[in-house]
Amino acid sequence: MKTKSTVLTKEERDILILAAQHGQHLNNAEIAQRLGMSVNRVKTLIHHACIKLGAHNKNEAIVFAMKRGAISPTEVFSLDELAELFCSFSPDMLRRVAQLVRQKLEHGHLLENDDQIIYTERRQDTILTKSERDVLILAGRGLTNKEIADRLCLANGTVRVFLNRAWTKLGASNRSEAVILALKQREISGDEIAPLNEIVQYFAPSGAESLEKMAQLLSQKLGQEHIRTGS
């Protein structure tokens, strides 16, 4: 019996990248128009991608594709946007992750216990409640509402309420945008969404240079903030 491929086709990748790109929020019709194909074709390709990735929906497929390295973060976000998303990491920590990306590419594995090296900063004056943070973090990991409900021992309706409250507080229009804004505003931290080995996996297709550039951009951003606040 022939085994079906689990590798995404170019069309499947293109659709997921367009769906994931921050600021566009393209629906299936807009993706179809952008790629010059029918809406039914887009739906079919999304369905195929979900099957290959073991995902329940398009948003989960995007997360799983990035975890597997099928989609690189630099195909979805600019380096400036990535620096904002990883603002809870220090520039030195991003440089350390860049070293691990090189190690991963050269040797195929990480140093033992390197999953203990990430320490990130989260705002103390958080606007989100603990419950809102918890559901948003799990949403950022690609879990569905039902899976979040099961994990936190909540009702599906309660999960929706917490997500909607988080969206409202953050000024977001959907769960993906809420996760992005929560990261940028340091309401949640990058290591709560993905452990170190997954972050290394995300950036391996882009190479260590992208992380080093992010570290440089973040250093500049922090320097500008210090000048502005006089600290």
Foldseek 3Di string as FASTA:
>chain_A
DDDDDLQQDPVLQQLLLQCQAPPRVDDLCRSCVVVVHDSVVSVVSQVVLCVSQVADGSLLSSLSCLLQLVDAVVSRDPLLLVLLLQLQFALVVLLVLLVQLVVCVVPVDGDPPPLVPTDGDADPPAPADPLLVQLLLVVLLRDDLVRSCVVVVHDSVVSVVSPVVLCVVQVHDDSSVSSSSCSSNRVDHPCSNPTSVSVSSNCNVVHSVSSNVSSVSSVVVVVVVCVVVVD
